[in-house]
Amino acid sequence: MGLYSDLREKLISDYAKLSPQMQKAARYILDHPNEVALRSMRALAGAADVPPSTITRLMTAIGVETWQEFRDHYQNRLLDQPASYAQRARETQKNEQDVNRDEHLLESISLTEIDNIRAAFSPELIAKMIDACGVIENARQVFIVGCGAAYPAAYQFAYGYRLFCDNGKLVDGHSGAFGDELRGITRRDVLIAVGAKPYIRGTVRAVNFARDQHCPVIAISDSDVSPIALDAMIKLVVRDHSQSFFQSFTAALSVMQALVALLVARGGQKALQRIAAAEEQLAAFDTYLEA
């Protein structure tokens, strides 16, 4: 795992210096490490939509001499991985007749989502979530952005966070107000950004603006080298695998919910008092229908 991790970090750190074609290959390898272990170099290049020579140049750029040496590191990593629920579901589906097609599809969807969430709570990502909470707790203001399909995850965090902290600001750009909502952002703040491919311009622009103001970014994204994660202080890379035509944000939403829960748990009596006050205010507005 150590050598594989070194290669992965090398691809990420050198990504900005690579040619566009090598970036395309590097992105595919970072996002599909199992494919490196299981495919030939030519097949991998075809899947990444680059010539095989691009893979060769990429290996040279990160200091690997042969394809076999490169693939060995990824095969060793794969041997250390637990069996994927989603993969098992897909293999099971192949061996079944189409009589129960709908049931099999729904089972496959559920197992894929479970697999996405399980991967999001790996030891590595748990450690990064704890680090993210430390950054959030020390920030003057907490800006949260996520557009399109990522909006529910961003909103979930913003709503929950504002129940016990008053320095959270959802950047949703309503009425074209992106620029207004980010006014005054500085290195003393933090921007939490959620997004996956295809990336929404508004989210990317918000992240780039925050970087220009030297504001740290916590990125919840689908790749270490996505435009919102590439230079982020903390990267929470989650899977968006889906059996549907549309990518899944279940893991991203779970991570955002987990961050809120962790912040409350670390917030002590002060957080509890603020939540109680928020509930009193909601009750004063008769917000919820009582049974």
C-alpha atoms as a PDB file:
ATOM      1  CA  MET A   1       0.000   0.000   0.000  1.00  0.00           C
ATOM      2  CA  GLY A   2       2.915   2.307   0.694  1.00  0.00           C
ATOM      3  CA  LEU A   3       4.298   2.304  -2.862  1.00  0.00           C
ATOM      4  CA  TYR A   4       0.808   2.660  -4.317  1.00  0.00           C
ATOM      5  CA  SER A   5       0.174   5.636  -2.027  1.00  0.00           C
ATOM      6  CA  ASP A   6       3.459   7.201  -3.152  1.00  0.00           C
ATOM      7  CA  LEU A   7       2.440   6.881  -6.812  1.00  0.00           C
ATOM      8  CA  ARG A   8      -0.999   8.326  -6.087  1.00  0.00           C
ATOM      9  CA  GLU A   9       0.472  11.313  -4.248  1.00  0.00           C
ATOM     10  CA  LYS A  10       2.968  11.845  -7.085  1.00  0.00           C
ATOM     11  CA  LEU A  11       0.160  11.918  -9.657  1.00  0.00           C
ATOM     12  CA  ILE A  12      -1.734  14.466  -7.555  1.00  0.00           C
ATOM     13  CA  SER A  13       1.241  16.716  -6.756  1.00  0.00           C
ATOM     14  CA  ASP A  14       2.502  16.753 -10.356  1.00  0.00           C
ATOM     15  CA  TYR A  15      -0.946  16.989 -11.973  1.00  0.00           C
ATOM     16  CA  ALA A  16      -0.810  20.718 -12.714  1.00  0.00           C
ATOM     17  CA  LYS A  17       2.553  20.325 -14.483  1.00  0.00           C
ATOM     18  CA  LEU A  18       1.408  17.555 -16.817  1.00  0.00           C
ATOM     19  CA  SER A  19       0.291  18.047 -20.412  1.00  0.00           C
ATOM     20  CA  PRO A  20      -3.485  17.990 -21.041  1.00  0.00           C
ATOM     21  CA  GLN A  21      -3.297  14.441 -22.411  1.00  0.00           C
ATOM     22  CA  MET A  22      -1.268  13.205 -19.451  1.00  0.00           C
ATOM     23  CA  GLN A  23      -3.691  14.969 -17.093  1.00  0.00           C
ATOM     24  CA  LYS A  24      -6.514  13.060 -18.770  1.00  0.00           C
ATOM     25  CA  ALA A  25      -4.687   9.772 -18.195  1.00  0.00           C
ATOM     26  CA  ALA A  26      -3.723  10.681 -14.627  1.00  0.00           C
ATOM     27  CA  ARG A  27      -7.305  11.632 -13.772  1.00  0.00           C
ATOM     28  CA  TYR A  28      -8.587   8.298 -15.084  1.00  0.00           C
ATOM     29  CA  ILE A  29      -5.958   6.351 -13.114  1.00  0.00           C
ATOM     30  CA  LEU A  30      -6.692   8.287  -9.913  1.00  0.00           C
ATOM     31  CA  ASP A  31     -10.426   7.751 -10.285  1.00  0.00           C
ATOM     32  CA  HIS A  32     -10.220   4.083 -11.413  1.00  0.00           C
ATOM     33  CA  PRO A  33      -7.227   2.482  -9.626  1.00  0.00           C
ATOM     34  CA  ASN A  34      -8.656  -1.030  -9.957  1.00  0.00           C
ATOM     35  CA  GLU A  35      -8.592  -0.681 -13.735  1.00  0.00           C
ATOM     36  CA  VAL A  36      -4.793  -0.339 -13.642  1.00  0.00           C
ATOM     37  CA  ALA A  37      -4.543  -3.666 -11.830  1.00  0.00           C
ATOM     38  CA  LEU A  38      -6.912  -5.515 -14.150  1.00  0.00           C
ATOM     39  CA  ARG A  39      -6.291  -4.114 -17.644  1.00  0.00           C
ATOM     40  CA  SER A  40      -3.411  -4.111 -20.094  1.00  0.00           C
ATOM     41  CA  MET A  41      -1.740  -0.786 -20.773  1.00  0.00           C
ATOM     42  CA  ARG A  42      -3.421  -0.574 -24.177  1.00  0.00           C
ATOM     43  CA  ALA A  43      -6.846  -1.337 -22.694  1.00  0.00           C
ATOM     44  CA  LEU A  44      -6.316   1.234 -19.943  1.00  0.00           C
ATOM     45  CA  ALA A  45      -5.311   3.842 -22.498  1.00  0.00           C
ATOM     46  CA  GLY A  46      -8.441   3.070 -24.506  1.00  0.00           C
ATOM     47  CA  ALA A  47     -10.633   3.433 -21.422  1.00  0.00           C
ATOM     48  CA  ALA A  48      -8.958   6.754 -20.609  1.00  0.00           C
ATOM     49  CA  ASP A  49      -9.331   7.853 -24.256  1.00  0.00           C
ATOM     50  CA  VAL A  50      -5.617   8.541 -24.712  1.00  0.00           C
ATOM     51  CA  PRO A  51      -2.914   6.866 -26.848  1.00  0.00           C
ATOM     52  CA  PRO A  52      -0.818   4.160 -25.107  1.00  0.00           C
ATOM     53  CA  SER A  53       2.218   6.418 -25.553  1.00  0.00           C
ATOM     54  CA  THR A  54       0.579   8.894 -23.172  1.00  0.00           C
ATOM     55  CA  ILE A  55       0.548   6.247 -20.426  1.00  0.00           C
ATOM     56  CA  THR A  56       4.220   5.578 -21.112  1.00  0.00           C
ATOM     57  CA  ARG A  57       5.093   9.282 -20.876  1.00  0.00           C
ATOM     58  CA  LEU A  58       3.066   9.600 -17.692  1.00  0.00           C
ATOM     59  CA  MET A  59       4.930   6.711 -16.056  1.00  0.00           C
ATOM     60  CA  THR A  60       8.253   8.290 -17.018  1.00  0.00           C
ATOM     61  CA  ALA A  61       7.115  11.642 -15.602  1.00  0.00           C
ATOM     62  CA  ILE A  62       6.468  10.107 -12.174  1.00  0.00           C
ATOM     63  CA  GLY A  63       9.613   7.968 -12.165  1.00  0.00           C
ATOM     64  CA  VAL A  64       8.270   4.507 -13.077  1.00  0.00           C
ATOM     65  CA  GLU A  65      10.270   2.556 -15.657  1.00  0.00           C
ATOM     66  CA  THR A  66       7.947  -0.223 -16.841  1.00  0.00           C
ATOM     67  CA  TRP A  67       4.230  -0.927 -17.117  1.00  0.00           C
ATOM     68  CA  GLN A  68       4.627  -4.146 -15.103  1.00  0.00           C
ATOM     69  CA  GLU A  69       6.260  -2.237 -12.255  1.00  0.00           C
ATOM     70  CA  PHE A  70       3.448   0.322 -12.347  1.00  0.00           C
ATOM     71  CA  ARG A  71       0.699  -2.297 -12.461  1.00  0.00           C
ATOM     72  CA  ASP A  72       2.285  -4.410  -9.694  1.00  0.00           C
ATOM     73  CA  HIS A  73       1.717  -1.606  -7.173  1.00  0.00           C
ATOM     74  CA  TYR A  74      -1.967  -1.410  -8.108  1.00  0.00           C
ATOM     75  CA  GLN A  75      -2.384  -5.202  -8.050  1.00  0.00           C
ATOM     76  CA  ASN A  76      -0.880  -5.347  -4.558  1.00  0.00           C
ATOM     77  CA  ARG A  77      -3.327  -2.639  -3.471  1.00  0.00           C
ATOM     78  CA  LEU A  78      -6.247  -4.605  -4.903  1.00  0.00           C
ATOM     79  CA  LEU A  79      -5.255  -7.725  -2.965  1.00  0.00           C
ATOM     80  CA  ASP A  80      -5.518  -5.703   0.249  1.00  0.00           C
ATOM     81  CA  GLN A  81      -9.037  -4.468  -0.497  1.00  0.00           C
ATOM     82  CA  PRO A  82     -12.175  -6.132   0.940  1.00  0.00           C
ATOM     83  CA  ALA A  83     -14.642  -7.487  -1.584  1.00  0.00           C
ATOM     84  CA  SER A  84     -16.987  -4.807  -2.877  1.00  0.00           C
ATOM     85  CA  TYR A  85     -20.673  -5.285  -2.159  1.00  0.00           C
ATOM     86  CA  ALA A  86     -21.473  -3.502  -5.398  1.00  0.00           C
ATOM     87  CA  GLN A  87     -19.154  -5.714  -7.419  1.00  0.00           C
ATOM     88  CA  ARG A  88     -20.661  -8.819  -5.865  1.00  0.00           C
ATOM     89  CA  ALA A  89     -24.114  -7.559  -6.747  1.00  0.00           C
ATOM     90  CA  ARG A  90     -23.104  -6.968 -10.350  1.00  0.00           C
ATOM     91  CA  GLU A  91     -21.570 -10.439 -10.602  1.00  0.00           C
ATOM     92  CA  THR A  92     -24.703 -11.987  -9.086  1.00  0.00           C
ATOM     93  CA  GLN A  93     -26.886 -10.101 -11.528  1.00  0.00           C
ATOM     94  CA  LYS A  94     -24.942 -11.485 -14.491  1.00  0.00           C
ATOM     95  CA  ASN A  95     -25.754 -15.034 -13.430  1.00  0.00           C
ATOM     96  CA  GLU A  96     -29.472 -14.482 -12.921  1.00  0.00           C
ATOM     97  CA  GLN A  97     -32.225 -14.631 -15.481  1.00  0.00           C
ATOM     98  CA  ASP A  98     -34.172 -11.510 -16.388  1.00  0.00           C
ATOM     99  CA  VAL A  99     -37.380 -12.728 -14.726  1.00  0.00           C
ATOM    100  CA  ASN A 100     -36.707 -10.614 -11.628  1.00  0.00           C
ATOM    101  CA  ARG A 101     -34.935  -7.813 -13.463  1.00  0.00           C
ATOM    102  CA  ASP A 102     -36.500  -4.966 -11.500  1.00  0.00           C
ATOM    103  CA  GLU A 103     -35.786  -6.570  -8.131  1.00  0.00           C
ATOM    104  CA  HIS A 104     -32.184  -7.239  -9.128  1.00  0.00           C
ATOM    105  CA  LEU A 105     -31.729  -3.670 -10.300  1.00  0.00           C
ATOM    106  CA  LEU A 106     -33.052  -2.278  -7.009  1.00  0.00           C
ATOM    107  CA  GLU A 107     -30.819  -4.642  -5.046  1.00  0.00           C
ATOM    108  CA  SER A 108     -27.843  -3.576  -7.124  1.00  0.00           C
ATOM    109  CA  ILE A 109     -28.679   0.100  -6.536  1.00  0.00           C
ATOM    110  CA  SER A 110     -28.927  -0.411  -2.779  1.00  0.00           C
ATOM    111  CA  LEU A 111     -25.637  -2.291  -2.580  1.00  0.00           C
ATOM    112  CA  THR A 112     -23.887   0.313  -4.715  1.00  0.00           C
ATOM    113  CA  GLU A 113     -25.063   3.076  -2.383  1.00  0.00           C
ATOM    114  CA  ILE A 114     -23.979   1.059   0.663  1.00  0.00           C
ATOM    115  CA  ASP A 115     -20.578   0.571  -0.957  1.00  0.00           C
ATOM    116  CA  ASN A 116     -20.297   4.318  -1.648  1.00  0.00           C
ATOM    117  CA  ILE A 117     -21.043   5.141   1.993  1.00  0.00           C
ATOM    118  CA  ARG A 118     -18.752   2.419   3.329  1.00  0.00           C
ATOM    119  CA  ALA A 119     -15.862   3.833   1.303  1.00  0.00           C
ATOM    120  CA  ALA A 120     -16.646   7.359   2.546  1.00  0.00           C
ATOM    121  CA  PHE A 121     -16.081   6.211   6.128  1.00  0.00           C
ATOM    122  CA  SER A 122     -12.702   4.572   5.569  1.00  0.00           C
ATOM    123  CA  PRO A 123     -10.044   5.249   8.247  1.00  0.00           C
ATOM    124  CA  GLU A 124      -8.302   7.723   5.920  1.00  0.00           C
ATOM    125  CA  LEU A 125     -11.448   9.765   5.316  1.00  0.00           C
ATOM    126  CA  ILE A 126     -12.496   9.626   8.960  1.00  0.00           C
ATOM    127  CA  ALA A 127      -9.152  11.191   9.906  1.00  0.00           C
ATOM    128  CA  LYS A 128      -9.680  13.888   7.284  1.00  0.00           C
ATOM    129  CA  MET A 129     -13.214  14.585   8.564  1.00  0.00           C
ATOM    130  CA  ILE A 130     -11.811  15.135  12.047  1.00  0.00           C
ATOM    131  CA  ASP A 131      -9.217  17.510  10.610  1.00  0.00           C
ATOM    132  CA  ALA A 132     -11.968  19.328   8.697  1.00  0.00           C
ATOM    133  CA  CYS A 133     -13.906  19.888  11.925  1.00  0.00           C
ATOM    134  CA  GLY A 134     -10.837  21.503  13.479  1.00  0.00           C
ATOM    135  CA  VAL A 135     -10.591  23.934  10.562  1.00  0.00           C
ATOM    136  CA  ILE A 136     -14.312  24.738  10.728  1.00  0.00           C
ATOM    137  CA  GLU A 137     -14.208  25.339  14.480  1.00  0.00           C
ATOM    138  CA  ASN A 138     -11.389  27.850  14.113  1.00  0.00           C
ATOM    139  CA  ALA A 139     -12.900  29.761  11.180  1.00  0.00           C
ATOM    140  CA  ARG A 140     -14.344  33.250  11.510  1.00  0.00           C
ATOM    141  CA  GLN A 141     -16.989  32.502   8.877  1.00  0.00           C
ATOM    142  CA  VAL A 142     -17.964  29.208   7.254  1.00  0.00           C
ATOM    143  CA  PHE A 143     -19.089  29.522   3.630  1.00  0.00           C
ATOM    144  CA  ILE A 144     -20.830  26.519   2.053  1.00  0.00           C
ATOM    145  CA  VAL A 145     -21.287  26.080  -1.697  1.00  0.00           C
ATOM    146  CA  GLY A 146     -22.727  23.297  -3.825  1.00  0.00           C
ATOM    147  CA  CYS A 147     -24.723  23.805  -7.018  1.00  0.00           C
ATOM    148  CA  GLY A 148     -26.943  21.583  -9.116  1.00  0.00           C
ATOM    149  CA  ALA A 149     -27.234  18.021  -7.820  1.00  0.00           C
ATOM    150  CA  ALA A 150     -24.748  18.841  -5.032  1.00  0.00           C
ATOM    151  CA  TYR A 151     -27.052  21.496  -3.585  1.00  0.00           C
ATOM    152  CA  PRO A 152     -28.944  19.143  -1.192  1.00  0.00           C
ATOM    153  CA  ALA A 153     -25.654  18.126   0.468  1.00  0.00           C
ATOM    154  CA  ALA A 154     -24.558  21.759   0.818  1.00  0.00           C
ATOM    155  CA  TYR A 155     -27.971  22.810   2.137  1.00  0.00           C
ATOM    156  CA  GLN A 156     -28.092  19.889   4.589  1.00  0.00           C
ATOM    157  CA  PHE A 157     -24.813  20.993   6.159  1.00  0.00           C
ATOM    158  CA  ALA A 158     -25.714  24.695   6.161  1.00  0.00           C
ATOM    159  CA  TYR A 159     -29.107  24.128   7.775  1.00  0.00           C
ATOM    160  CA  GLY A 160     -27.808  21.778  10.456  1.00  0.00           C
ATOM    161  CA  TYR A 161     -24.759  23.911  11.192  1.00  0.00           C
ATOM    162  CA  ARG A 162     -26.791  27.090  11.660  1.00  0.00           C
ATOM    163  CA  LEU A 163     -28.837  25.412  14.395  1.00  0.00           C
ATOM    164  CA  PHE A 164     -25.837  25.630  16.713  1.00  0.00           C
ATOM    165  CA  CYS A 165     -23.465  28.151  15.084  1.00  0.00           C
ATOM    166  CA  ASP A 166     -24.248  31.602  13.723  1.00  0.00           C
ATOM    167  CA  ASN A 167     -21.246  32.020  11.420  1.00  0.00           C
ATOM    168  CA  GLY A 168     -22.416  29.759   8.582  1.00  0.00           C
ATOM    169  CA  LYS A 169     -23.362  31.154   5.175  1.00  0.00           C
ATOM    170  CA  LEU A 170     -24.885  29.161   2.323  1.00  0.00           C
ATOM    171  CA  VAL A 171     -23.587  30.464  -1.009  1.00  0.00           C
ATOM    172  CA  ASP A 172     -26.333  29.544  -3.456  1.00  0.00           C
ATOM    173  CA  GLY A 173     -26.182  32.456  -5.917  1.00  0.00           C
ATOM    174  CA  HIS A 174     -29.899  33.159  -5.912  1.00  0.00           C
ATOM    175  CA  SER A 175     -30.681  36.127  -8.174  1.00  0.00           C
ATOM    176  CA  GLY A 176     -27.078  36.059  -9.408  1.00  0.00           C
ATOM    177  CA  ALA A 177     -25.699  37.013  -5.992  1.00  0.00           C
ATOM    178  CA  PHE A 178     -22.618  34.768  -5.933  1.00  0.00           C
ATOM    179  CA  GLY A 179     -20.266  37.739  -5.805  1.00  0.00           C
ATOM    180  CA  ASP A 180     -22.247  39.414  -3.021  1.00  0.00           C
ATOM    181  CA  GLU A 181     -22.413  36.262  -0.911  1.00  0.00           C
ATOM    182  CA  LEU A 182     -18.641  35.780  -1.023  1.00  0.00           C
ATOM    183  CA  ARG A 183     -17.819  39.400  -0.242  1.00  0.00           C
ATOM    184  CA  GLY A 184     -15.327  39.769   2.588  1.00  0.00           C
ATOM    185  CA  ILE A 185     -14.041  36.179   2.489  1.00  0.00           C
ATOM    186  CA  THR A 186     -10.474  36.014   3.849  1.00  0.00           C
ATOM    187  CA  ARG A 187      -7.795  33.618   5.061  1.00  0.00           C
ATOM    188  CA  ARG A 188      -9.547  33.628   8.442  1.00  0.00           C
ATOM    189  CA  ASP A 189     -12.608  31.923   6.946  1.00  0.00           C
ATOM    190  CA  VAL A 190     -13.205  28.536   5.323  1.00  0.00           C
ATOM    191  CA  LEU A 191     -15.126  27.535   2.205  1.00  0.00           C
ATOM    192  CA  ILE A 192     -16.753  24.094   2.116  1.00  0.00           C
ATOM    193  CA  ALA A 193     -17.402  23.095  -1.501  1.00  0.00           C
ATOM    194  CA  VAL A 194     -19.345  20.085  -2.790  1.00  0.00           C
ATOM    195  CA  GLY A 195     -19.316  18.948  -6.389  1.00  0.00           C
ATOM    196  CA  ALA A 196     -18.769  16.108  -8.850  1.00  0.00           C
ATOM    197  CA  LYS A 197     -18.320  15.802 -12.586  1.00  0.00           C
ATOM    198  CA  PRO A 198     -19.789  17.563 -14.562  1.00  0.00           C
ATOM    199  CA  TYR A 199     -18.706  20.492 -12.390  1.00  0.00           C
ATOM    200  CA  ILE A 200     -20.950  23.533 -12.085  1.00  0.00           C
ATOM    201  CA  ARG A 201     -19.249  26.784 -13.092  1.00  0.00           C
ATOM    202  CA  GLY A 202     -20.627  28.652 -10.085  1.00  0.00           C
ATOM    203  CA  THR A 203     -19.045  26.220  -7.618  1.00  0.00           C
ATOM    204  CA  VAL A 204     -15.701  26.278  -9.420  1.00  0.00           C
ATOM    205  CA  ARG A 205     -15.707  30.079  -9.568  1.00  0.00           C
ATOM    206  CA  ALA A 206     -16.518  30.308  -5.872  1.00  0.00           C
ATOM    207  CA  VAL A 207     -13.611  27.979  -5.065  1.00  0.00           C
ATOM    208  CA  ASN A 208     -11.221  29.896  -7.315  1.00  0.00           C
ATOM    209  CA  PHE A 209     -12.274  33.189  -5.734  1.00  0.00           C
ATOM    210  CA  ALA A 210     -11.715  31.774  -2.244  1.00  0.00           C
ATOM    211  CA  ARG A 211      -8.244  30.589  -3.260  1.00  0.00           C
ATOM    212  CA  ASP A 212      -7.424  34.052  -4.610  1.00  0.00           C
ATOM    213  CA  GLN A 213      -8.337  35.451  -1.183  1.00  0.00           C
ATOM    214  CA  HIS A 214      -6.137  32.811   0.492  1.00  0.00           C
ATOM    215  CA  CYS A 215      -9.192  31.268   2.128  1.00  0.00           C
ATOM    216  CA  PRO A 216      -8.757  27.555   2.936  1.00  0.00           C
ATOM    217  CA  VAL A 217     -11.055  25.156   1.065  1.00  0.00           C
ATOM    218  CA  ILE A 218     -12.561  21.895   2.259  1.00  0.00           C
ATOM    219  CA  ALA A 219     -13.615  19.972  -0.849  1.00  0.00           C
ATOM    220  CA  ILE A 220     -16.114  17.111  -0.948  1.00  0.00           C
ATOM    221  CA  SER A 221     -15.675  15.820  -4.462  1.00  0.00           C
ATOM    222  CA  ASP A 222     -15.305  12.785  -6.698  1.00  0.00           C
ATOM    223  CA  SER A 223     -11.578  13.123  -7.429  1.00  0.00           C
ATOM    224  CA  ASP A 224      -8.350  14.366  -5.887  1.00  0.00           C
ATOM    225  CA  VAL A 225      -7.766  16.397  -9.039  1.00  0.00           C
ATOM    226  CA  SER A 226     -11.244  17.796  -9.610  1.00  0.00           C
ATOM    227  CA  PRO A 227     -11.268  21.587 -10.147  1.00  0.00           C
ATOM    228  CA  ILE A 228     -12.651  22.151  -6.641  1.00  0.00           C
ATOM    229  CA  ALA A 229     -10.297  19.706  -4.891  1.00  0.00           C
ATOM    230  CA  LEU A 230      -6.947  20.132  -6.629  1.00  0.00           C
ATOM    231  CA  ASP A 231      -5.526  22.786  -4.276  1.00  0.00           C
ATOM    232  CA  ALA A 232      -7.893  22.269  -1.347  1.00  0.00           C
ATOM    233  CA  MET A 233      -6.568  22.246   2.213  1.00  0.00           C
ATOM    234  CA  ILE A 234      -8.637  19.121   2.955  1.00  0.00           C
ATOM    235  CA  LYS A 235     -10.001  16.736   0.312  1.00  0.00           C
ATOM    236  CA  LEU A 236     -12.839  14.378   1.139  1.00  0.00           C
ATOM    237  CA  VAL A 237     -13.002  12.258  -2.015  1.00  0.00           C
ATOM    238  CA  VAL A 238     -16.210  10.220  -2.134  1.00  0.00           C
ATOM    239  CA  ARG A 239     -17.659   7.843  -4.679  1.00  0.00           C
ATOM    240  CA  ASP A 240     -20.569   8.850  -6.889  1.00  0.00           C
ATOM    241  CA  HIS A 241     -21.081   5.385  -8.418  1.00  0.00           C
ATOM    242  CA  SER A 242     -24.623   4.743  -9.560  1.00  0.00           C
ATOM    243  CA  GLN A 243     -26.675   2.165 -11.441  1.00  0.00           C
ATOM    244  CA  SER A 244     -28.737   5.036 -12.781  1.00  0.00           C
ATOM    245  CA  PHE A 245     -28.015   7.437 -15.638  1.00  0.00           C
ATOM    246  CA  PHE A 246     -27.287  10.077 -12.959  1.00  0.00           C
ATOM    247  CA  GLN A 247     -24.414  10.081 -10.491  1.00  0.00           C
ATOM    248  CA  SER A 248     -25.079   9.511  -6.785  1.00  0.00           C
ATOM    249  CA  PHE A 249     -24.561  12.146  -4.093  1.00  0.00           C
ATOM    250  CA  THR A 250     -25.535   9.781  -1.267  1.00  0.00           C
ATOM    251  CA  ALA A 251     -21.957   9.508   0.044  1.00  0.00           C
ATOM    252  CA  ALA A 252     -21.408  13.275  -0.168  1.00  0.00           C
ATOM    253  CA  LEU A 253     -24.624  13.874   1.755  1.00  0.00           C
ATOM    254  CA  SER A 254     -23.602  11.308   4.375  1.00  0.00           C
ATOM    255  CA  VAL A 255     -20.248  13.009   4.869  1.00  0.00           C
ATOM    256  CA  MET A 256     -21.897  16.418   5.282  1.00  0.00           C
ATOM    257  CA  GLN A 257     -24.303  14.975   7.853  1.00  0.00           C
ATOM    258  CA  ALA A 258     -21.401  13.317   9.659  1.00  0.00           C
ATOM    259  CA  LEU A 259     -19.501  16.624   9.836  1.00  0.00           C
ATOM    260  CA  VAL A 260     -22.509  18.320  11.450  1.00  0.00           C
ATOM    261  CA  ALA A 261     -22.911  15.480  13.961  1.00  0.00           C
ATOM    262  CA  LEU A 262     -19.212  15.545  14.808  1.00  0.00           C
ATOM    263  CA  LEU A 263     -19.222  19.318  15.274  1.00  0.00           C
ATOM    264  CA  VAL A 264     -22.197  19.055  17.645  1.00  0.00           C
ATOM    265  CA  ALA A 265     -20.505  16.258  19.597  1.00  0.00           C
ATOM    266  CA  ARG A 266     -17.396  18.421  19.980  1.00  0.00           C
ATOM    267  CA  GLY A 267     -19.404  21.573  20.723  1.00  0.00           C
ATOM    268  CA  GLY A 268     -20.313  20.676  24.290  1.00  0.00           C
ATOM    269  CA  GLN A 269     -22.920  22.494  26.350  1.00  0.00           C
ATOM    270  CA  LYS A 270     -22.761  25.635  24.224  1.00  0.00           C
ATOM    271  CA  ALA A 271     -23.903  23.743  21.117  1.00  0.00           C
ATOM    272  CA  LEU A 272     -26.747  22.110  23.050  1.00  0.00           C
ATOM    273  CA  GLN A 273     -27.944  25.463  24.384  1.00  0.00           C
ATOM    274  CA  ARG A 274     -27.994  26.968  20.900  1.00  0.00           C
ATOM    275  CA  ILE A 275     -29.922  24.013  19.486  1.00  0.00           C
ATOM    276  CA  ALA A 276     -32.472  24.357  22.291  1.00  0.00           C
ATOM    277  CA  ALA A 277     -32.837  28.076  21.523  1.00  0.00           C
ATOM    278  CA  ALA A 278     -33.299  27.289  17.813  1.00  0.00           C
ATOM    279  CA  GLU A 279     -36.035  24.793  18.655  1.00  0.00           C
ATOM    280  CA  GLU A 280     -37.809  27.399  20.769  1.00  0.00           C
ATOM    281  CA  GLN A 281     -37.751  29.824  17.862  1.00  0.00           C
ATOM    282  CA  LEU A 282     -39.123  27.214  15.475  1.00  0.00           C
ATOM    283  CA  ALA A 283     -41.869  26.459  17.976  1.00  0.00           C
ATOM    284  CA  ALA A 284     -42.721  30.159  18.226  1.00  0.00           C
ATOM    285  CA  PHE A 285     -43.351  30.145  14.454  1.00  0.00           C
ATOM    286  CA  ASP A 286     -45.417  26.964  14.739  1.00  0.00           C
ATOM    287  CA  THR A 287     -43.067  25.402  12.181  1.00  0.00           C
ATOM    288  CA  TYR A 288     -43.856  21.757  12.691  1.00  0.00           C
ATOM    289  CA  LEU A 289     -47.176  19.930  12.645  1.00  0.00           C
ATOM    290  CA  GLU A 290     -47.670  18.301  16.027  1.00  0.00           C
ATOM    291  CA  ALA A 291     -49.214  14.843  16.086  1.00  0.00           C
END
